[in-house]
Amino acid sequence: MNLLLSRMKMLAIKDFRWERPDTKTKAEVVFGPLGTGQVDWNGVFDIIKSSDFDGPVSLHVEYTALKESTLSEKQRMMNVVKQDLAFLEQSSKTAGII
């Protein structure tokens, strides 16, 4: 990330972990809520704070597919997004970015 900072125009935020399904031999990337994967968020925010980055931040919620098109499922999805936004805000405050 340090190598890219001078060229970075925006920051895409998402978390992931590696999983090895029982039926496959290769590990696969699985995206999930912020703070539940393998991203070192303290390290990411420390790097951003030490840089002059001032671009937009885009929260990616690719892991949250609607299981069905019901109001309760849409509300569940919005709750997960709100939790990610809260995590992003708290992590940014802790790092002294905002």
Protein backbone atom coordinates (compact mmCIF):
# COMPACT_ATOMS: atom_id res chain seq x y z
CA MET A 1 0.00 0.00 0.00
CA ASN A 2 2.87 2.38 0.73
CA LEU A 3 4.07 2.02 -2.85
CA LEU A 4 0.69 3.07 -4.20
CA LEU A 5 -0.12 6.02 -1.95
CA SER A 6 1.22 8.70 -4.26
CA ARG A 7 -1.04 7.42 -7.07
CA MET A 8 -4.07 6.48 -5.01
CA LYS A 9 -7.17 8.51 -5.90
CA MET A 10 -9.79 6.58 -3.91
CA LEU A 11 -9.94 3.88 -1.28
CA ALA A 12 -12.18 0.81 -1.63
CA ILE A 13 -12.95 -0.73 1.75
CA LYS A 14 -13.90 -4.40 2.21
CA ASP A 15 -12.75 -7.33 4.30
CA PHE A 16 -12.06 -10.95 3.34
CA ARG A 17 -10.87 -14.29 4.59
CA TRP A 18 -9.61 -17.44 2.89
CA GLU A 19 -11.80 -20.53 3.06
CA ARG A 20 -11.19 -24.02 1.79
CA PRO A 21 -14.54 -25.65 0.97
CA ASP A 22 -14.76 -29.37 1.66
CA THR A 23 -15.31 -30.18 -1.99
CA LYS A 24 -12.38 -28.13 -3.35
CA THR A 25 -8.65 -28.29 -2.90
CA LYS A 26 -7.96 -24.58 -3.52
CA ALA A 27 -8.69 -21.90 -0.95
CA GLU A 28 -11.20 -19.27 -2.04
CA VAL A 29 -11.66 -15.64 -1.06
CA VAL A 30 -14.83 -14.98 0.94
CA PHE A 31 -15.84 -11.37 1.58
CA GLY A 32 -17.48 -10.49 4.88
CA PRO A 33 -18.28 -7.68 7.29
CA LEU A 34 -15.50 -5.29 8.25
CA GLY A 35 -13.40 -6.55 11.15
CA THR A 36 -14.25 -10.22 10.61
CA GLY A 37 -11.60 -11.06 8.03
CA GLN A 38 -7.86 -10.93 7.58
CA VAL A 39 -7.34 -7.23 6.84
CA ASP A 40 -5.07 -5.46 9.36
CA TRP A 41 -7.29 -2.39 9.76
CA ASN A 42 -5.03 -0.72 12.32
CA GLY A 43 -2.17 -1.00 9.84
CA VAL A 44 -4.30 0.28 6.95
CA PHE A 45 -5.47 3.34 8.87
CA ASP A 46 -1.97 4.04 10.21
CA ILE A 47 -0.68 4.14 6.64
CA ILE A 48 -3.51 6.39 5.51
CA LYS A 49 -2.97 8.75 8.45
CA SER A 50 0.73 9.07 7.69
CA SER A 51 -0.02 9.94 4.05
CA ASP A 52 -1.60 12.96 2.41
CA PHE A 53 -4.50 10.91 1.02
CA ASP A 54 -7.68 12.97 0.86
CA GLY A 55 -9.75 11.09 -1.71
CA PRO A 56 -13.13 9.42 -1.40
CA VAL A 57 -13.68 6.18 0.48
CA SER A 58 -16.01 3.55 -0.99
CA LEU A 59 -17.47 0.86 1.28
CA HIS A 60 -17.97 -2.40 -0.64
CA VAL A 61 -20.63 -4.76 0.67
CA GLU A 62 -20.35 -7.49 -1.94
CA TYR A 63 -20.82 -10.23 0.64
CA THR A 64 -24.39 -9.20 1.37
CA ALA A 65 -26.62 -10.71 -1.28
CA LEU A 66 -30.32 -10.71 -0.67
CA LYS A 67 -31.46 -14.24 0.13
CA GLU A 68 -35.00 -13.30 -0.80
CA SER A 69 -36.78 -10.13 -1.81
CA THR A 70 -38.65 -9.49 1.44
CA LEU A 71 -38.77 -6.42 3.64
CA SER A 72 -37.16 -8.27 6.57
CA GLU A 73 -34.27 -9.45 4.37
CA LYS A 74 -33.72 -5.93 3.06
CA GLN A 75 -33.72 -4.64 6.65
CA ARG A 76 -31.19 -7.33 7.65
CA MET A 77 -28.92 -6.24 4.82
CA MET A 78 -29.21 -2.57 5.83
CA ASN A 79 -28.30 -3.48 9.42
CA VAL A 80 -25.12 -5.20 8.24
CA VAL A 81 -24.20 -2.13 6.17
CA LYS A 82 -24.85 0.12 9.19
CA GLN A 83 -22.54 -2.07 11.29
CA ASP A 84 -19.82 -1.73 8.64
CA LEU A 85 -20.26 2.04 8.55
CA ALA A 86 -19.98 2.16 12.36
CA PHE A 87 -16.81 0.04 12.22
CA LEU A 88 -15.31 2.29 9.54
CA GLU A 89 -16.16 5.45 11.48
CA GLN A 90 -14.81 4.11 14.79
CA SER A 91 -11.62 2.80 13.19
CA SER A 92 -11.07 6.16 11.47
CA LYS A 93 -11.58 8.02 14.75
CA THR A 94 -9.26 5.67 16.63
CA ALA A 95 -6.56 6.22 14.00
CA GLY A 96 -7.07 9.98 14.20
CA ILE A 97 -8.14 10.34 10.60
CA ILE A 98 -11.49 11.97 11.42
